[in-house]
């Protein structure tokens, strides 16, 4: 996976490409971003179905900073994955 910043204004909008990933990862990170109080909206699109690149667009909530929102969403996503892994270990 590789990330390329396309446009960044920390108090308004962050646009970046995720290279090497598709709908699955983009939709998960979008969902966690939307659950973050610093984000007004988040969405993604894929320019072509055969490419392994998605563009993620995040809009900041008023008077909020996006760098904090992205860190929070990633931390929350990691915690959910860790909790799921622990449940699987107990079950198997």
PDB file of N, CA and C in Angstrom:
ATOM      1  N   UNK A   1       0.848  -1.174   0.000  1.00  0.00           N
ATOM      2  CA  UNK A   1       0.000   0.000   0.000  1.00  0.00           C
ATOM      3  C   UNK A   1       0.895   1.238   0.000  1.00  0.00           C
ATOM      4  N   UNK A   2       0.451   2.230  -0.721  1.00  0.00           N
ATOM      5  CA  UNK A   2       1.153   3.505  -0.788  1.00  0.00           C
ATOM      6  C   UNK A   2       0.102   4.611  -0.738  1.00  0.00           C
ATOM      7  N   UNK A   3       0.431   5.727  -0.086  1.00  0.00           N
ATOM      8  CA  UNK A   3      -0.489   6.858   0.015  1.00  0.00           C
ATOM      9  C   UNK A   3       0.168   8.075  -0.625  1.00  0.00           C
ATOM     10  N   UNK A   4      -0.589   8.751  -1.487  1.00  0.00           N
ATOM     11  CA  UNK A   4      -0.118   9.985  -2.123  1.00  0.00           C
ATOM     12  C   UNK A   4      -1.119  11.098  -1.831  1.00  0.00           C
ATOM     13  N   UNK A   5      -0.646  12.160  -1.180  1.00  0.00           N
ATOM     14  CA  UNK A   5      -1.497  13.310  -0.884  1.00  0.00           C
ATOM     15  C   UNK A   5      -1.717  14.097  -2.178  1.00  0.00           C
ATOM     16  N   UNK A   6      -2.982  14.352  -2.508  1.00  0.00           N
ATOM     17  CA  UNK A   6      -3.337  15.110  -3.707  1.00  0.00           C
ATOM     18  C   UNK A   6      -3.587  16.573  -3.342  1.00  0.00           C
ATOM     19  N   UNK A   7      -4.321  16.806  -2.249  1.00  0.00           N
ATOM     20  CA  UNK A   7      -4.646  18.160  -1.807  1.00  0.00           C
ATOM     21  C   UNK A   7      -4.857  18.129  -0.301  1.00  0.00           C
ATOM     22  N   UNK A   8      -4.358  19.155   0.391  1.00  0.00           N
ATOM     23  CA  UNK A   8      -4.496  19.168   1.845  1.00  0.00           C
ATOM     24  C   UNK A   8      -4.622  20.588   2.372  1.00  0.00           C
ATOM     25  N   UNK A   9      -5.723  20.850   3.041  1.00  0.00           N
ATOM     26  CA  UNK A   9      -5.943  22.069   3.811  1.00  0.00           C
ATOM     27  C   UNK A   9      -6.465  21.572   5.152  1.00  0.00           C
ATOM     28  N   UNK A  10      -5.632  21.588   6.191  1.00  0.00           N
ATOM     29  CA  UNK A  10      -5.944  20.888   7.438  1.00  0.00           C
ATOM     30  C   UNK A  10      -7.271  21.265   8.074  1.00  0.00           C
ATOM     31  N   UNK A  11      -7.806  22.437   7.770  1.00  0.00           N
ATOM     32  CA  UNK A  11      -9.073  22.845   8.375  1.00  0.00           C
ATOM     33  C   UNK A  11     -10.257  22.726   7.418  1.00  0.00           C
ATOM     34  N   UNK A  12     -10.026  22.233   6.196  1.00  0.00           N
ATOM     35  CA  UNK A  12     -11.129  22.135   5.234  1.00  0.00           C
ATOM     36  C   UNK A  12     -11.245  20.768   4.581  1.00  0.00           C
ATOM     37  N   UNK A  13     -10.176  20.321   3.914  1.00  0.00           N
ATOM     38  CA  UNK A  13     -10.301  19.117   3.096  1.00  0.00           C
ATOM     39  C   UNK A  13      -8.951  18.415   2.945  1.00  0.00           C
ATOM     40  N   UNK A  14      -9.022  17.089   2.905  1.00  0.00           N
ATOM     41  CA  UNK A  14      -7.857  16.260   2.617  1.00  0.00           C
ATOM     42  C   UNK A  14      -8.247  15.300   1.504  1.00  0.00           C
ATOM     43  N   UNK A  15      -7.446  15.279   0.450  1.00  0.00           N
ATOM     44  CA  UNK A  15      -7.672  14.369  -0.676  1.00  0.00           C
ATOM     45  C   UNK A  15      -6.390  13.578  -0.871  1.00  0.00           C
ATOM     46  N   UNK A  16      -6.511  12.249  -0.859  1.00  0.00           N
ATOM     47  CA  UNK A  16      -5.331  11.434  -1.107  1.00  0.00           C
ATOM     48  C   UNK A  16      -5.698  10.153  -1.832  1.00  0.00           C
ATOM     49  N   UNK A  17      -4.708   9.616  -2.537  1.00  0.00           N
ATOM     50  CA  UNK A  17      -4.867   8.352  -3.251  1.00  0.00           C
ATOM     51  C   UNK A  17      -4.272   7.236  -2.412  1.00  0.00           C
ATOM     52  N   UNK A  18      -4.970   6.114  -2.361  1.00  0.00           N
ATOM     53  CA  UNK A  18      -4.458   4.906  -1.724  1.00  0.00           C
ATOM     54  C   UNK A  18      -4.160   3.935  -2.856  1.00  0.00           C
ATOM     55  N   UNK A  19      -2.888   3.660  -3.058  1.00  0.00           N
ATOM     56  CA  UNK A  19      -2.456   2.809  -4.166  1.00  0.00           C
ATOM     57  C   UNK A  19      -2.177   1.409  -3.633  1.00  0.00           C
ATOM     58  N   UNK A  20      -2.706   0.425  -4.336  1.00  0.00           N
ATOM     59  CA  UNK A  20      -2.524  -0.962  -3.925  1.00  0.00           C
ATOM     60  C   UNK A  20      -3.698  -1.502  -3.127  1.00  0.00           C
ATOM     61  N   UNK A  21      -4.752  -0.725  -3.022  1.00  0.00           N
ATOM     62  CA  UNK A  21      -5.955  -1.148  -2.304  1.00  0.00           C
ATOM     63  C   UNK A  21      -7.184  -0.871  -3.160  1.00  0.00           C
ATOM     64  N   UNK A  22      -8.287  -1.505  -2.784  1.00  0.00           N
ATOM     65  CA  UNK A  22      -9.523  -1.335  -3.530  1.00  0.00           C
ATOM     66  C   UNK A  22     -10.660  -0.884  -2.628  1.00  0.00           C
ATOM     67  N   UNK A  23     -11.861  -1.294  -3.003  1.00  0.00           N
ATOM     68  CA  UNK A  23     -13.066  -0.879  -2.285  1.00  0.00           C
ATOM     69  C   UNK A  23     -13.065  -1.313  -0.821  1.00  0.00           C
ATOM     70  N   UNK A  24     -12.563  -2.495  -0.528  1.00  0.00           N
ATOM     71  CA  UNK A  24     -12.662  -3.033   0.827  1.00  0.00           C
ATOM     72  C   UNK A  24     -11.994  -2.121   1.844  1.00  0.00           C
ATOM     73  N   UNK A  25     -10.728  -1.829   1.652  1.00  0.00           N
ATOM     74  CA  UNK A  25     -10.014  -0.980   2.609  1.00  0.00           C
ATOM     75  C   UNK A  25     -10.565   0.441   2.604  1.00  0.00           C
ATOM     76  N   UNK A  26     -10.832   0.983   1.436  1.00  0.00           N
ATOM     77  CA  UNK A  26     -11.329   2.361   1.341  1.00  0.00           C
ATOM     78  C   UNK A  26     -12.660   2.519   2.070  1.00  0.00           C
ATOM     79  N   UNK A  27     -13.528   1.545   1.950  1.00  0.00           N
ATOM     80  CA  UNK A  27     -14.828   1.631   2.607  1.00  0.00           C
ATOM     81  C   UNK A  27     -14.688   1.530   4.127  1.00  0.00           C
ATOM     82  N   UNK A  28     -13.771   0.697   4.591  1.00  0.00           N
ATOM     83  CA  UNK A  28     -13.562   0.568   6.039  1.00  0.00           C
ATOM     84  C   UNK A  28     -13.025   1.871   6.625  1.00  0.00           C
ATOM     85  N   UNK A  29     -11.990   2.436   6.007  1.00  0.00           N
ATOM     86  CA  UNK A  29     -11.421   3.672   6.548  1.00  0.00           C
ATOM     87  C   UNK A  29     -12.426   4.822   6.427  1.00  0.00           C
ATOM     88  N   UNK A  30     -13.220   4.842   5.365  1.00  0.00           N
ATOM     89  CA  UNK A  30     -14.264   5.865   5.213  1.00  0.00           C
ATOM     90  C   UNK A  30     -15.271   5.770   6.355  1.00  0.00           C
ATOM     91  N   UNK A  31     -15.668   4.547   6.682  1.00  0.00           N
ATOM     92  CA  UNK A  31     -16.635   4.335   7.764  1.00  0.00           C
ATOM     93  C   UNK A  31     -16.099   4.852   9.102  1.00  0.00           C
ATOM     94  N   UNK A  32     -14.853   4.533   9.415  1.00  0.00           N
ATOM     95  CA  UNK A  32     -14.268   5.007  10.666  1.00  0.00           C
ATOM     96  C   UNK A  32     -14.079   6.524  10.657  1.00  0.00           C
ATOM     97  N   UNK A  33     -13.738   7.092   9.520  1.00  0.00           N
ATOM     98  CA  UNK A  33     -13.619   8.546   9.427  1.00  0.00           C
ATOM     99  C   UNK A  33     -14.965   9.227   9.668  1.00  0.00           C
ATOM    100  N   UNK A  34     -16.025   8.669   9.107  1.00  0.00           N
ATOM    101  CA  UNK A  34     -17.362   9.255   9.285  1.00  0.00           C
ATOM    102  C   UNK A  34     -17.815   9.200  10.743  1.00  0.00           C
ATOM    103  N   UNK A  35     -17.297   8.235  11.502  1.00  0.00           N
ATOM    104  CA  UNK A  35     -17.638   8.121  12.920  1.00  0.00           C
ATOM    105  C   UNK A  35     -16.818   9.059  13.805  1.00  0.00           C
ATOM    106  N   UNK A  36     -15.882   9.779  13.219  1.00  0.00           N
ATOM    107  CA  UNK A  36     -15.016  10.691  13.962  1.00  0.00           C
ATOM    108  C   UNK A  36     -15.649  12.080  13.997  1.00  0.00           C
ATOM    109  N   UNK A  37     -15.670  12.699  15.179  1.00  0.00           N
ATOM    110  CA  UNK A  37     -16.345  14.000  15.335  1.00  0.00           C
ATOM    111  C   UNK A  37     -15.702  15.123  14.525  1.00  0.00           C
ATOM    112  N   UNK A  38     -14.427  14.971  14.174  1.00  0.00           N
ATOM    113  CA  UNK A  38     -13.730  16.018  13.430  1.00  0.00           C
ATOM    114  C   UNK A  38     -14.060  16.012  11.939  1.00  0.00           C
ATOM    115  N   UNK A  39     -14.756  14.984  11.477  1.00  0.00           N
ATOM    116  CA  UNK A  39     -15.048  14.832  10.046  1.00  0.00           C
ATOM    117  C   UNK A  39     -16.512  15.150   9.772  1.00  0.00           C
ATOM    118  N   UNK A  40     -16.737  16.019   8.797  1.00  0.00           N
ATOM    119  CA  UNK A  40     -18.093  16.330   8.357  1.00  0.00           C
ATOM    120  C   UNK A  40     -18.575  15.269   7.374  1.00  0.00           C
ATOM    121  N   UNK A  41     -17.702  14.894   6.430  1.00  0.00           N
ATOM    122  CA  UNK A  41     -18.044  13.836   5.478  1.00  0.00           C
ATOM    123  C   UNK A  41     -16.767  13.216   4.925  1.00  0.00           C
ATOM    124  N   UNK A  42     -16.899  11.981   4.483  1.00  0.00           N
ATOM    125  CA  UNK A  42     -15.777  11.267   3.865  1.00  0.00           C
ATOM    126  C   UNK A  42     -16.344  10.350   2.795  1.00  0.00           C
ATOM    127  N   UNK A  43     -15.645  10.267   1.693  1.00  0.00           N
ATOM    128  CA  UNK A  43     -16.072   9.399   0.605  1.00  0.00           C
ATOM    129  C   UNK A  43     -14.870   9.006  -0.228  1.00  0.00           C
ATOM    130  N   UNK A  44     -15.086   8.065  -1.113  1.00  0.00           N
ATOM    131  CA  UNK A  44     -13.995   7.641  -1.984  1.00  0.00           C
ATOM    132  C   UNK A  44     -14.562   7.256  -3.333  1.00  0.00           C
ATOM    133  N   UNK A  45     -13.705   7.205  -4.324  1.00  0.00           N
ATOM    134  CA  UNK A  45     -14.101   6.676  -5.623  1.00  0.00           C
ATOM    135  C   UNK A  45     -12.913   6.001  -6.268  1.00  0.00           C
ATOM    136  N   UNK A  46     -13.233   5.118  -7.177  1.00  0.00           N
ATOM    137  CA  UNK A  46     -12.237   4.371  -7.929  1.00  0.00           C
ATOM    138  C   UNK A  46     -12.414   4.774  -9.387  1.00  0.00           C
ATOM    139  N   UNK A  47     -11.352   5.275 -10.002  1.00  0.00           N
ATOM    140  CA  UNK A  47     -11.459   5.782 -11.371  1.00  0.00           C
ATOM    141  C   UNK A  47     -11.773   4.687 -12.383  1.00  0.00           C
ATOM    142  N   UNK A  48     -11.244   3.504 -12.152  1.00  0.00           N
ATOM    143  CA  UNK A  48     -11.464   2.403 -13.089  1.00  0.00           C
ATOM    144  C   UNK A  48     -11.467   1.093 -12.305  1.00  0.00           C
ATOM    145  N   UNK A  49     -12.366   0.161 -12.632  1.00  0.00           N
ATOM    146  CA  UNK A  49     -12.462  -1.074 -11.848  1.00  0.00           C
ATOM    147  C   UNK A  49     -11.209  -1.951 -11.884  1.00  0.00           C
ATOM    148  N   UNK A  50     -10.368  -1.794 -12.886  1.00  0.00           N
ATOM    149  CA  UNK A  50      -9.181  -2.643 -12.987  1.00  0.00           C
ATOM    150  C   UNK A  50      -7.950  -2.039 -12.317  1.00  0.00           C
ATOM    151  N   UNK A  51      -8.044  -0.808 -11.820  1.00  0.00           N
ATOM    152  CA  UNK A  51      -6.891  -0.205 -11.156  1.00  0.00           C
ATOM    153  C   UNK A  51      -6.936  -0.489  -9.664  1.00  0.00           C
ATOM    154  N   UNK A  52      -5.778  -0.561  -9.065  1.00  0.00           N
ATOM    155  CA  UNK A  52      -5.667  -0.765  -7.619  1.00  0.00           C
ATOM    156  C   UNK A  52      -5.384   0.585  -6.961  1.00  0.00           C
ATOM    157  N   UNK A  53      -6.256   1.555  -7.218  1.00  0.00           N
ATOM    158  CA  UNK A  53      -6.085   2.891  -6.649  1.00  0.00           C
ATOM    159  C   UNK A  53      -7.455   3.486  -6.368  1.00  0.00           C
ATOM    160  N   UNK A  54      -7.608   4.009  -5.158  1.00  0.00           N
ATOM    161  CA  UNK A  54      -8.835   4.715  -4.796  1.00  0.00           C
ATOM    162  C   UNK A  54      -8.468   6.110  -4.301  1.00  0.00           C
ATOM    163  N   UNK A  55      -9.356   7.050  -4.535  1.00  0.00           N
ATOM    164  CA  UNK A  55      -9.161   8.421  -4.049  1.00  0.00           C
ATOM    165  C   UNK A  55     -10.132   8.647  -2.896  1.00  0.00           C
ATOM    166  N   UNK A  56      -9.584   9.048  -1.760  1.00  0.00           N
ATOM    167  CA  UNK A  56     -10.372   9.312  -0.565  1.00  0.00           C
ATOM    168  C   UNK A  56     -10.438  10.820  -0.358  1.00  0.00           C
ATOM    169  N   UNK A  57     -11.645  11.324  -0.103  1.00  0.00           N
ATOM    170  CA  UNK A  57     -11.867  12.755   0.104  1.00  0.00           C
ATOM    171  C   UNK A  57     -12.516  12.933   1.475  1.00  0.00           C
ATOM    172  N   UNK A  58     -11.880  13.745   2.311  1.00  0.00           N
ATOM    173  CA  UNK A  58     -12.365  13.965   3.672  1.00  0.00           C
ATOM    174  C   UNK A  58     -12.609  15.458   3.856  1.00  0.00           C
ATOM    175  N   UNK A  59     -13.800  15.802   4.334  1.00  0.00           N
ATOM    176  CA  UNK A  59     -14.154  17.205   4.612  1.00  0.00           C
ATOM    177  C   UNK A  59     -14.201  17.388   6.131  1.00  0.00           C
ATOM    178  N   UNK A  60     -13.567  18.443   6.611  1.00  0.00           N
ATOM    179  CA  UNK A  60     -13.497  18.702   8.048  1.00  0.00           C
ATOM    180  C   UNK A  60     -14.795  19.308   8.565  1.00  0.00           C
ATOM    181  N   UNK A  61     -15.137  18.941   9.796  1.00  0.00           N
ATOM    182  CA  UNK A  61     -16.223  19.611  10.498  1.00  0.00           C
ATOM    183  C   UNK A  61     -15.749  21.033  10.817  1.00  0.00           C
ATOM    184  N   UNK A  62     -16.674  21.976  11.025  1.00  0.00           N
ATOM    185  CA  UNK A  62     -16.260  23.357  11.320  1.00  0.00           C
ATOM    186  C   UNK A  62     -15.306  23.438  12.517  1.00  0.00           C
ATOM    187  N   UNK A  63     -14.227  24.187  12.334  1.00  0.00           N
ATOM    188  CA  UNK A  63     -13.217  24.430  13.368  1.00  0.00           C
ATOM    189  C   UNK A  63     -12.549  23.151  13.868  1.00  0.00           C
ATOM    190  N   UNK A  64     -12.422  22.167  13.025  1.00  0.00           N
ATOM    191  CA  UNK A  64     -11.749  20.904  13.377  1.00  0.00           C
ATOM    192  C   UNK A  64     -10.564  20.697  12.450  1.00  0.00           C
ATOM    193  N   UNK A  65      -9.609  19.894  12.888  1.00  0.00           N
ATOM    194  CA  UNK A  65      -8.415  19.626  12.084  1.00  0.00           C
ATOM    195  C   UNK A  65      -8.403  18.174  11.635  1.00  0.00           C
ATOM    196  N   UNK A  66      -8.079  17.979  10.372  1.00  0.00           N
ATOM    197  CA  UNK A  66      -8.166  16.649   9.775  1.00  0.00           C
ATOM    198  C   UNK A  66      -7.041  15.712  10.184  1.00  0.00           C
ATOM    199  N   UNK A  67      -5.860  16.225  10.513  1.00  0.00           N
ATOM    200  CA  UNK A  67      -4.777  15.323  10.890  1.00  0.00           C
ATOM    201  C   UNK A  67      -5.151  14.518  12.134  1.00  0.00           C
ATOM    202  N   UNK A  68      -5.809  15.155  13.083  1.00  0.00           N
ATOM    203  CA  UNK A  68      -6.276  14.463  14.285  1.00  0.00           C
ATOM    204  C   UNK A  68      -7.347  13.429  13.925  1.00  0.00           C
ATOM    205  N   UNK A  69      -8.232  13.779  13.019  1.00  0.00           N
ATOM    206  CA  UNK A  69      -9.312  12.874  12.615  1.00  0.00           C
ATOM    207  C   UNK A  69      -8.769  11.603  11.978  1.00  0.00           C
ATOM    208  N   UNK A  70      -7.778  11.736  11.120  1.00  0.00           N
ATOM    209  CA  UNK A  70      -7.211  10.563  10.445  1.00  0.00           C
ATOM    210  C   UNK A  70      -6.517   9.662  11.461  1.00  0.00           C
ATOM    211  N   UNK A  71      -5.763  10.253  12.383  1.00  0.00           N
ATOM    212  CA  UNK A  71      -5.105   9.449  13.426  1.00  0.00           C
ATOM    213  C   UNK A  71      -6.133   8.723  14.285  1.00  0.00           C
ATOM    214  N   UNK A  72      -7.199   9.415  14.668  1.00  0.00           N
ATOM    215  CA  UNK A  72      -8.249   8.809  15.492  1.00  0.00           C
ATOM    216  C   UNK A  72      -8.915   7.654  14.759  1.00  0.00           C
ATOM    217  N   UNK A  73      -9.257   7.854  13.502  1.00  0.00           N
ATOM    218  CA  UNK A  73      -9.914   6.800  12.719  1.00  0.00           C
ATOM    219  C   UNK A  73      -9.008   5.579  12.576  1.00  0.00           C
ATOM    220  N   UNK A  74      -7.732   5.795  12.320  1.00  0.00           N
ATOM    221  CA  UNK A  74      -6.791   4.672  12.184  1.00  0.00           C
ATOM    222  C   UNK A  74      -6.635   3.927  13.506  1.00  0.00           C
ATOM    223  N   UNK A  75      -6.548   4.665  14.599  1.00  0.00           N
ATOM    224  CA  UNK A  75      -6.431   4.035  15.919  1.00  0.00           C
ATOM    225  C   UNK A  75      -7.685   3.212  16.238  1.00  0.00           C
ATOM    226  N   UNK A  76      -8.860   3.768  15.965  1.00  0.00           N
ATOM    227  CA  UNK A  76     -10.113   3.053  16.221  1.00  0.00           C
ATOM    228  C   UNK A  76     -10.219   1.798  15.362  1.00  0.00           C
ATOM    229  N   UNK A  77      -9.819   1.901  14.103  1.00  0.00           N
ATOM    230  CA  UNK A  77      -9.859   0.752  13.197  1.00  0.00           C
ATOM    231  C   UNK A  77      -8.915  -0.340  13.691  1.00  0.00           C
ATOM    232  N   UNK A  78      -7.746   0.040  14.142  1.00  0.00           N
ATOM    233  CA  UNK A  78      -6.769  -0.917  14.658  1.00  0.00           C
ATOM    234  C   UNK A  78      -7.292  -1.614  15.913  1.00  0.00           C
ATOM    235  N   UNK A  79      -7.958  -0.864  16.788  1.00  0.00           N
ATOM    236  CA  UNK A  79      -8.509  -1.450  18.009  1.00  0.00           C
ATOM    237  C   UNK A  79      -9.589  -2.478  17.691  1.00  0.00           C
ATOM    238  N   UNK A  80     -10.458  -2.169  16.746  1.00  0.00           N
ATOM    239  CA  UNK A  80     -11.505  -3.120  16.356  1.00  0.00           C
ATOM    240  C   UNK A  80     -10.883  -4.395  15.786  1.00  0.00           C
ATOM    241  N   UNK A  81      -9.855  -4.245  14.954  1.00  0.00           N
ATOM    242  CA  UNK A  81      -9.179  -5.418  14.382  1.00  0.00           C
ATOM    243  C   UNK A  81      -8.517  -6.245  15.481  1.00  0.00           C
ATOM    244  N   UNK A  82      -7.872  -5.595  16.446  1.00  0.00           N
ATOM    245  CA  UNK A  82      -7.241  -6.317  17.562  1.00  0.00           C
ATOM    246  C   UNK A  82      -8.280  -7.052  18.400  1.00  0.00           C
ATOM    247  N   UNK A  83      -9.391  -6.389  18.709  1.00  0.00           N
ATOM    248  CA  UNK A  83     -10.455  -7.028  19.489  1.00  0.00           C
ATOM    249  C   UNK A  83     -11.026  -8.237  18.756  1.00  0.00           C
ATOM    250  N   UNK A  84     -11.219  -8.115  17.455  1.00  0.00           N
ATOM    251  CA  UNK A  84     -11.735  -9.224  16.656  1.00  0.00           C
ATOM    252  C   UNK A  84     -10.751 -10.394  16.673  1.00  0.00           C
ATOM    253  N   UNK A  85      -9.470 -10.098  16.537  1.00  0.00           N
ATOM    254  CA  UNK A  85      -8.439 -11.139  16.556  1.00  0.00           C
ATOM    255  C   UNK A  85      -8.449 -11.880  17.892  1.00  0.00           C
ATOM    256  N   UNK A  86      -8.584 -11.152  18.998  1.00  0.00           N
ATOM    257  CA  UNK A  86      -8.629 -11.780  20.325  1.00  0.00           C
ATOM    258  C   UNK A  86      -9.847 -12.685  20.461  1.00  0.00           C
ATOM    259  N   UNK A  87     -10.985 -12.257  19.929  1.00  0.00           N
ATOM    260  CA  UNK A  87     -12.184 -13.102  19.966  1.00  0.00           C
ATOM    261  C   UNK A  87     -11.982 -14.382  19.166  1.00  0.00           C
ATOM    262  N   UNK A  88     -11.347 -14.259  18.009  1.00  0.00           N
ATOM    263  CA  UNK A  88     -11.067 -15.444  17.195  1.00  0.00           C
ATOM    264  C   UNK A  88     -10.127 -16.404  17.907  1.00  0.00           C
ATOM    265  N   UNK A  89      -9.104 -15.876  18.566  1.00  0.00           N
ATOM    266  CA  UNK A  89      -8.161 -16.731  19.292  1.00  0.00           C
ATOM    267  C   UNK A  89      -8.868 -17.532  20.371  1.00  0.00           C
ATOM    268  N   UNK A  90      -9.812 -16.919  21.065  1.00  0.00           N
ATOM    269  CA  UNK A  90     -10.557 -17.611  22.117  1.00  0.00           C
ATOM    270  C   UNK A  90     -11.485 -18.675  21.543  1.00  0.00           C
ATOM    271  N   UNK A  91     -12.004 -18.433  20.356  1.00  0.00           N
ATOM    272  CA  UNK A  91     -12.989 -19.336  19.750  1.00  0.00           C
ATOM    273  C   UNK A  91     -12.370 -20.559  19.103  1.00  0.00           C
ATOM    274  N   UNK A  92     -11.154 -20.433  18.650  1.00  0.00           N
ATOM    275  CA  UNK A  92     -10.535 -21.530  17.888  1.00  0.00           C
ATOM    276  C   UNK A  92      -9.694 -22.394  18.777  1.00  0.00           C
TER     277      UNK A  92
END
